[in-house]
Amino acid sequence: MKKTIYLAILLATQFFYAQNQVAKKPETVIIINNEIATMEQVMKYGNEGYIKSMNKGVSEQERNELAKKFGDKIGDR
């Protein structure tokens, strides 16, 4: 019986140790005319009427080409 209680306490203590680090959220990388842009630039172009359409995401081939050009700035996926 003691072993069961000790095992239950041991397992329950694991729930008291919450995540100590803030999880890193994935960032959105914006590329305009083959250059990395900021959201402020996108808002500026949108307010001026220069943006007709946007794509959220690229194909695997386009992603690999961008990875060659920008390196690890665009992330894994």
PDB file of N, CA and C in Angstrom:
ATOM      1  N   MET A   1       0.825  -1.195   0.000  1.00  0.00           N
ATOM      2  CA  MET A   1       0.000   0.000   0.000  1.00  0.00           C
ATOM      3  C   MET A   1       0.868   1.256   0.000  1.00  0.00           C
ATOM      4  N   LYS A   2       1.959   1.220   0.795  1.00  0.00           N
ATOM      5  CA  LYS A   2       2.845   2.379   0.844  1.00  0.00           C
ATOM      6  C   LYS A   2       3.447   2.664  -0.527  1.00  0.00           C
ATOM      7  N   LYS A   3       3.821   1.590  -1.223  1.00  0.00           N
ATOM      8  CA  LYS A   3       4.431   1.761  -2.547  1.00  0.00           C
ATOM      9  C   LYS A   3       3.443   2.405  -3.515  1.00  0.00           C
ATOM     10  N   THR A   4       2.191   2.048  -3.424  1.00  0.00           N
ATOM     11  CA  THR A   4       1.167   2.621  -4.290  1.00  0.00           C
ATOM     12  C   THR A   4       0.980   4.108  -3.995  1.00  0.00           C
ATOM     13  N   ILE A   5       0.981   4.464  -2.726  1.00  0.00           N
ATOM     14  CA  ILE A   5       0.830   5.873  -2.341  1.00  0.00           C
ATOM     15  C   ILE A   5       2.036   6.678  -2.805  1.00  0.00           C
ATOM     16  N   TYR A   6       3.242   6.125  -2.604  1.00  0.00           N
ATOM     17  CA  TYR A   6       4.455   6.819  -3.044  1.00  0.00           C
ATOM     18  C   TYR A   6       4.474   6.990  -4.560  1.00  0.00           C
ATOM     19  N   LEU A   7       4.046   5.976  -5.272  1.00  0.00           N
ATOM     20  CA  LEU A   7       3.986   6.051  -6.727  1.00  0.00           C
ATOM     21  C   LEU A   7       2.974   7.109  -7.171  1.00  0.00           C
ATOM     22  N   ALA A   8       1.827   7.161  -6.522  1.00  0.00           N
ATOM     23  CA  ALA A   8       0.810   8.161  -6.865  1.00  0.00           C
ATOM     24  C   ALA A   8       1.318   9.570  -6.580  1.00  0.00           C
ATOM     25  N   ILE A   9       2.017   9.752  -5.454  1.00  0.00           N
ATOM     26  CA  ILE A   9       2.567  11.076  -5.124  1.00  0.00           C
ATOM     27  C   ILE A   9       3.643  11.468  -6.129  1.00  0.00           C
ATOM     28  N   LEU A  10       4.490  10.506  -6.488  1.00  0.00           N
ATOM     29  CA  LEU A  10       5.546  10.770  -7.462  1.00  0.00           C
ATOM     30  C   LEU A  10       4.963  11.193  -8.808  1.00  0.00           C
ATOM     31  N   LEU A  11       3.934  10.514  -9.241  1.00  0.00           N
ATOM     32  CA  LEU A  11       3.301  10.860 -10.515  1.00  0.00           C
ATOM     33  C   LEU A  11       2.562  12.196 -10.431  1.00  0.00           C
ATOM     34  N   ALA A  12       1.962  12.478  -9.295  1.00  0.00           N
ATOM     35  CA  ALA A  12       1.205  13.723  -9.140  1.00  0.00           C
ATOM     36  C   ALA A  12       2.123  14.935  -9.087  1.00  0.00           C
ATOM     37  N   THR A  13       3.335  14.777  -8.566  1.00  0.00           N
ATOM     38  CA  THR A  13       4.247  15.929  -8.474  1.00  0.00           C
ATOM     39  C   THR A  13       4.688  16.413  -9.843  1.00  0.00           C
ATOM     40  N   GLN A  14       4.619  15.572 -10.839  1.00  0.00           N
ATOM     41  CA  GLN A  14       5.008  15.975 -12.187  1.00  0.00           C
ATOM     42  C   GLN A  14       4.089  17.067 -12.728  1.00  0.00           C
ATOM     43  N   PHE A  15       2.859  17.099 -12.263  1.00  0.00           N
ATOM     44  CA  PHE A  15       1.904  18.099 -12.743  1.00  0.00           C
ATOM     45  C   PHE A  15       2.155  19.484 -12.153  1.00  0.00           C
ATOM     46  N   PHE A  16       2.912  19.546 -11.063  1.00  0.00           N
ATOM     47  CA  PHE A  16       3.197  20.826 -10.426  1.00  0.00           C
ATOM     48  C   PHE A  16       4.339  21.579 -11.094  1.00  0.00           C
ATOM     49  N   TYR A  17       5.099  20.906 -11.918  1.00  0.00           N
ATOM     50  CA  TYR A  17       6.205  21.550 -12.627  1.00  0.00           C
ATOM     51  C   TYR A  17       5.724  21.953 -14.011  1.00  0.00           C
ATOM     52  N   ALA A  18       5.231  23.145 -14.104  1.00  0.00           N
ATOM     53  CA  ALA A  18       4.695  23.646 -15.370  1.00  0.00           C
ATOM     54  C   ALA A  18       5.840  24.050 -16.287  1.00  0.00           C
ATOM     55  N   GLN A  19       5.485  24.384 -17.471  1.00  0.00           N
ATOM     56  CA  GLN A  19       6.473  24.823 -18.450  1.00  0.00           C
ATOM     57  C   GLN A  19       7.088  26.137 -17.988  1.00  0.00           C
ATOM     58  N   ASN A  20       8.398  26.163 -17.869  1.00  0.00           N
ATOM     59  CA  ASN A  20       9.092  27.347 -17.375  1.00  0.00           C
ATOM     60  C   ASN A  20       9.433  28.334 -18.477  1.00  0.00           C
ATOM     61  N   GLN A  21       9.517  27.873 -19.696  1.00  0.00           N
ATOM     62  CA  GLN A  21       9.893  28.748 -20.800  1.00  0.00           C
ATOM     63  C   GLN A  21       8.667  29.037 -21.661  1.00  0.00           C
ATOM     64  N   VAL A  22       8.657  30.215 -22.207  1.00  0.00           N
ATOM     65  CA  VAL A  22       7.581  30.591 -23.116  1.00  0.00           C
ATOM     66  C   VAL A  22       7.866  29.944 -24.467  1.00  0.00           C
ATOM     67  N   ALA A  23       6.879  29.289 -25.018  1.00  0.00           N
ATOM     68  CA  ALA A  23       7.051  28.624 -26.307  1.00  0.00           C
ATOM     69  C   ALA A  23       7.208  29.664 -27.401  1.00  0.00           C
ATOM     70  N   LYS A  24       8.150  29.417 -28.280  1.00  0.00           N
ATOM     71  CA  LYS A  24       8.395  30.340 -29.389  1.00  0.00           C
ATOM     72  C   LYS A  24       7.332  30.128 -30.457  1.00  0.00           C
ATOM     73  N   LYS A  25       6.618  31.180 -30.773  1.00  0.00           N
ATOM     74  CA  LYS A  25       5.581  31.097 -31.792  1.00  0.00           C
ATOM     75  C   LYS A  25       6.222  31.254 -33.168  1.00  0.00           C
ATOM     76  N   PRO A  26       5.711  30.551 -34.144  1.00  0.00           N
ATOM     77  CA  PRO A  26       6.265  30.726 -35.489  1.00  0.00           C
ATOM     78  C   PRO A  26       5.960  32.116 -36.007  1.00  0.00           C
ATOM     79  N   GLU A  27       6.929  32.691 -36.652  1.00  0.00           N
ATOM     80  CA  GLU A  27       6.767  34.034 -37.197  1.00  0.00           C
ATOM     81  C   GLU A  27       6.399  33.952 -38.667  1.00  0.00           C
ATOM     82  N   THR A  28       5.704  34.954 -39.134  1.00  0.00           N
ATOM     83  CA  THR A  28       5.377  35.052 -40.540  1.00  0.00           C
ATOM     84  C   THR A  28       6.439  35.904 -41.221  1.00  0.00           C
ATOM     85  N   VAL A  29       7.035  35.353 -42.262  1.00  0.00           N
ATOM     86  CA  VAL A  29       8.033  36.082 -43.026  1.00  0.00           C
ATOM     87  C   VAL A  29       7.347  36.583 -44.281  1.00  0.00           C
ATOM     88  N   ILE A  30       7.420  37.880 -44.514  1.00  0.00           N
ATOM     89  CA  ILE A  30       6.761  38.492 -45.662  1.00  0.00           C
ATOM     90  C   ILE A  30       7.828  38.814 -46.696  1.00  0.00           C
ATOM     91  N   ILE A  31       7.624  38.336 -47.909  1.00  0.00           N
ATOM     92  CA  ILE A  31       8.574  38.588 -48.990  1.00  0.00           C
ATOM     93  C   ILE A  31       7.848  39.352 -50.082  1.00  0.00           C
ATOM     94  N   ILE A  32       8.376  40.536 -50.386  1.00  0.00           N
ATOM     95  CA  ILE A  32       7.828  41.389 -51.439  1.00  0.00           C
ATOM     96  C   ILE A  32       8.943  41.653 -52.441  1.00  0.00           C
ATOM     97  N   ASN A  33       8.696  41.332 -53.699  1.00  0.00           N
ATOM     98  CA  ASN A  33       9.683  41.525 -54.764  1.00  0.00           C
ATOM     99  C   ASN A  33      11.033  40.929 -54.396  1.00  0.00           C
ATOM    100  N   ASN A  34      11.010  39.676 -53.911  1.00  0.00           N
ATOM    101  CA  ASN A  34      12.207  38.920 -53.529  1.00  0.00           C
ATOM    102  C   ASN A  34      13.040  39.605 -52.458  1.00  0.00           C
ATOM    103  N   GLU A  35      12.402  40.347 -51.558  1.00  0.00           N
ATOM    104  CA  GLU A  35      13.060  40.953 -50.410  1.00  0.00           C
ATOM    105  C   GLU A  35      12.175  40.749 -49.189  1.00  0.00           C
ATOM    106  N   ILE A  36      12.799  40.517 -48.042  1.00  0.00           N
ATOM    107  CA  ILE A  36      12.039  40.364 -46.806  1.00  0.00           C
ATOM    108  C   ILE A  36      11.504  41.725 -46.396  1.00  0.00           C
ATOM    109  N   ALA A  37      10.205  41.781 -46.123  1.00  0.00           N
ATOM    110  CA  ALA A  37       9.547  43.044 -45.782  1.00  0.00           C
ATOM    111  C   ALA A  37       8.940  42.956 -44.387  1.00  0.00           C
ATOM    112  N   THR A  38       8.590  44.102 -43.847  1.00  0.00           N
ATOM    113  CA  THR A  38       7.938  44.163 -42.550  1.00  0.00           C
ATOM    114  C   THR A  38       6.442  44.369 -42.748  1.00  0.00           C
ATOM    115  N   MET A  39       5.686  44.176 -41.677  1.00  0.00           N
ATOM    116  CA  MET A  39       4.240  44.373 -41.749  1.00  0.00           C
ATOM    117  C   MET A  39       3.913  45.838 -42.008  1.00  0.00           C
ATOM    118  N   GLU A  40       4.757  46.742 -41.539  1.00  0.00           N
ATOM    119  CA  GLU A  40       4.541  48.173 -41.798  1.00  0.00           C
ATOM    120  C   GLU A  40       4.609  48.468 -43.297  1.00  0.00           C
ATOM    121  N   GLN A  41       5.543  47.810 -43.986  1.00  0.00           N
ATOM    122  CA  GLN A  41       5.632  48.011 -45.434  1.00  0.00           C
ATOM    123  C   GLN A  41       4.388  47.468 -46.132  1.00  0.00           C
ATOM    124  N   VAL A  42       3.888  46.345 -45.664  1.00  0.00           N
ATOM    125  CA  VAL A  42       2.680  45.770 -46.255  1.00  0.00           C
ATOM    126  C   VAL A  42       1.497  46.708 -46.052  1.00  0.00           C
ATOM    127  N   MET A  43       1.368  47.253 -44.838  1.00  0.00           N
ATOM    128  CA  MET A  43       0.281  48.191 -44.566  1.00  0.00           C
ATOM    129  C   MET A  43       0.407  49.444 -45.431  1.00  0.00           C
ATOM    130  N   LYS A  44       1.623  49.919 -45.611  1.00  0.00           N
ATOM    131  CA  LYS A  44       1.854  51.104 -46.433  1.00  0.00           C
ATOM    132  C   LYS A  44       1.436  50.839 -47.881  1.00  0.00           C
ATOM    133  N   TYR A  45       1.880  49.697 -48.423  1.00  0.00           N
ATOM    134  CA  TYR A  45       1.515  49.354 -49.798  1.00  0.00           C
ATOM    135  C   TYR A  45       0.009  49.134 -49.931  1.00  0.00           C
ATOM    136  N   GLY A  46      -0.612  48.550 -48.908  1.00  0.00           N
ATOM    137  CA  GLY A  46      -2.054  48.322 -48.940  1.00  0.00           C
ATOM    138  C   GLY A  46      -2.829  49.622 -48.921  1.00  0.00           C
ATOM    139  N   ASN A  47      -2.394  50.560 -48.079  1.00  0.00           N
ATOM    140  CA  ASN A  47      -3.075  51.856 -48.010  1.00  0.00           C
ATOM    141  C   ASN A  47      -2.910  52.652 -49.299  1.00  0.00           C
ATOM    142  N   GLU A  48      -1.789  52.456 -49.975  1.00  0.00           N
ATOM    143  CA  GLU A  48      -1.554  53.160 -51.233  1.00  0.00           C
ATOM    144  C   GLU A  48      -2.183  52.453 -52.424  1.00  0.00           C
ATOM    145  N   GLY A  49      -2.746  51.268 -52.215  1.00  0.00           N
ATOM    146  CA  GLY A  49      -3.437  50.550 -53.286  1.00  0.00           C
ATOM    147  C   GLY A  49      -2.524  49.738 -54.184  1.00  0.00           C
ATOM    148  N   TYR A  50      -1.318  49.426 -53.752  1.00  0.00           N
ATOM    149  CA  TYR A  50      -0.386  48.670 -54.576  1.00  0.00           C
ATOM    150  C   TYR A  50      -0.594  47.161 -54.495  1.00  0.00           C
ATOM    151  N   ILE A  51      -1.300  46.683 -53.495  1.00  0.00           N
ATOM    152  CA  ILE A  51      -1.482  45.245 -53.319  1.00  0.00           C
ATOM    153  C   ILE A  51      -2.797  44.824 -53.956  1.00  0.00           C
ATOM    154  N   LYS A  52      -2.687  43.938 -54.940  1.00  0.00           N
ATOM    155  CA  LYS A  52      -3.878  43.408 -55.590  1.00  0.00           C
ATOM    156  C   LYS A  52      -4.240  42.046 -55.016  1.00  0.00           C
ATOM    157  N   SER A  53      -3.219  41.254 -54.671  1.00  0.00           N
ATOM    158  CA  SER A  53      -3.473  39.942 -54.085  1.00  0.00           C
ATOM    159  C   SER A  53      -2.241  39.498 -53.304  1.00  0.00           C
ATOM    160  N   MET A  54      -2.480  38.534 -52.401  1.00  0.00           N
ATOM    161  CA  MET A  54      -1.394  37.984 -51.597  1.00  0.00           C
ATOM    162  C   MET A  54      -1.567  36.475 -51.526  1.00  0.00           C
ATOM    163  N   ASN A  55      -0.452  35.775 -51.430  1.00  0.00           N
ATOM    164  CA  ASN A  55      -0.464  34.324 -51.227  1.00  0.00           C
ATOM    165  C   ASN A  55       0.093  34.037 -49.854  1.00  0.00           C
ATOM    166  N   LYS A  56      -0.599  33.194 -49.121  1.00  0.00           N
ATOM    167  CA  LYS A  56      -0.096  32.787 -47.819  1.00  0.00           C
ATOM    168  C   LYS A  56       0.414  31.364 -47.974  1.00  0.00           C
ATOM    169  N   GLY A  57       1.719  31.261 -48.135  1.00  0.00           N
ATOM    170  CA  GLY A  57       2.351  29.963 -48.340  1.00  0.00           C
ATOM    171  C   GLY A  57       2.848  29.830 -49.765  1.00  0.00           C
ATOM    172  N   VAL A  58       3.799  28.946 -49.921  1.00  0.00           N
ATOM    173  CA  VAL A  58       4.382  28.691 -51.241  1.00  0.00           C
ATOM    174  C   VAL A  58       4.519  27.190 -51.428  1.00  0.00           C
ATOM    175  N   SER A  59       4.819  26.802 -52.657  1.00  0.00           N
ATOM    176  CA  SER A  59       5.037  25.384 -52.921  1.00  0.00           C
ATOM    177  C   SER A  59       6.396  24.971 -52.365  1.00  0.00           C
ATOM    178  N   GLU A  60       6.626  23.691 -52.320  1.00  0.00           N
ATOM    179  CA  GLU A  60       7.895  23.151 -51.797  1.00  0.00           C
ATOM    180  C   GLU A  60       9.076  23.654 -52.622  1.00  0.00           C
ATOM    181  N   GLN A  61       8.910  23.695 -53.935  1.00  0.00           N
ATOM    182  CA  GLN A  61       9.989  24.150 -54.813  1.00  0.00           C
ATOM    183  C   GLN A  61      10.301  25.635 -54.571  1.00  0.00           C
ATOM    184  N   GLU A  62       9.258  26.461 -54.487  1.00  0.00           N
ATOM    185  CA  GLU A  62       9.481  27.887 -54.217  1.00  0.00           C
ATOM    186  C   GLU A  62      10.100  28.102 -52.841  1.00  0.00           C
ATOM    187  N   ARG A  63       9.687  27.313 -51.855  1.00  0.00           N
ATOM    188  CA  ARG A  63      10.251  27.409 -50.519  1.00  0.00           C
ATOM    189  C   ARG A  63      11.734  27.074 -50.522  1.00  0.00           C
ATOM    190  N   ASN A  64      12.122  26.042 -51.277  1.00  0.00           N
ATOM    191  CA  ASN A  64      13.533  25.669 -51.363  1.00  0.00           C
ATOM    192  C   ASN A  64      14.359  26.754 -52.041  1.00  0.00           C
ATOM    193  N   GLU A  65      13.800  27.392 -53.063  1.00  0.00           N
ATOM    194  CA  GLU A  65      14.507  28.495 -53.727  1.00  0.00           C
ATOM    195  C   GLU A  65      14.683  29.680 -52.776  1.00  0.00           C
ATOM    196  N   LEU A  66      13.644  29.994 -52.009  1.00  0.00           N
ATOM    197  CA  LEU A  66      13.737  31.080 -51.031  1.00  0.00           C
ATOM    198  C   LEU A  66      14.721  30.734 -49.917  1.00  0.00           C
ATOM    199  N   ALA A  67      14.775  29.455 -49.533  1.00  0.00           N
ATOM    200  CA  ALA A  67      15.711  29.027 -48.495  1.00  0.00           C
ATOM    201  C   ALA A  67      17.149  29.191 -48.979  1.00  0.00           C
ATOM    202  N   LYS A  68      17.392  28.932 -50.251  1.00  0.00           N
ATOM    203  CA  LYS A  68      18.742  29.136 -50.802  1.00  0.00           C
ATOM    204  C   LYS A  68      19.121  30.612 -50.773  1.00  0.00           C
ATOM    205  N   LYS A  69      18.148  31.461 -51.065  1.00  0.00           N
ATOM    206  CA  LYS A  69      18.436  32.899 -51.135  1.00  0.00           C
ATOM    207  C   LYS A  69      18.544  33.527 -49.748  1.00  0.00           C
ATOM    208  N   PHE A  70      17.597  33.221 -48.834  1.00  0.00           N
ATOM    209  CA  PHE A  70      17.530  33.893 -47.552  1.00  0.00           C
ATOM    210  C   PHE A  70      18.112  33.084 -46.392  1.00  0.00           C
ATOM    211  N   GLY A  71      18.419  31.827 -46.627  1.00  0.00           N
ATOM    212  CA  GLY A  71      18.996  31.007 -45.567  1.00  0.00           C
ATOM    213  C   GLY A  71      17.990  30.679 -44.485  1.00  0.00           C
ATOM    214  N   ASP A  72      18.451  30.716 -43.219  1.00  0.00           N
ATOM    215  CA  ASP A  72      17.587  30.319 -42.114  1.00  0.00           C
ATOM    216  C   ASP A  72      16.647  31.430 -41.637  1.00  0.00           C
ATOM    217  N   LYS A  73      16.604  32.545 -42.343  1.00  0.00           N
ATOM    218  CA  LYS A  73      15.694  33.630 -41.951  1.00  0.00           C
ATOM    219  C   LYS A  73      14.234  33.248 -42.184  1.00  0.00           C
ATOM    220  N   ILE A  74      13.976  32.319 -43.084  1.00  0.00           N
ATOM    221  CA  ILE A  74      12.591  31.960 -43.370  1.00  0.00           C
ATOM    222  C   ILE A  74      12.133  30.759 -42.572  1.00  0.00           C
ATOM    223  N   GLY A  75      12.983  30.094 -41.854  1.00  0.00           N
ATOM    224  CA  GLY A  75      12.577  28.980 -41.003  1.00  0.00           C
ATOM    225  C   GLY A  75      12.499  27.667 -41.727  1.00  0.00           C
ATOM    226  N   ASP A  76      12.046  26.657 -40.993  1.00  0.00           N
ATOM    227  CA  ASP A  76      12.000  25.304 -41.536  1.00  0.00           C
ATOM    228  C   ASP A  76      10.795  25.077 -42.425  1.00  0.00           C
ATOM    229  N   ARG A  77       9.632  25.477 -41.940  1.00  0.00           N
ATOM    230  CA  ARG A  77       8.411  25.250 -42.712  1.00  0.00           C
ATOM    231  C   ARG A  77       7.440  26.340 -42.445  1.00  0.00           C
TER     232      ARG A  77
END
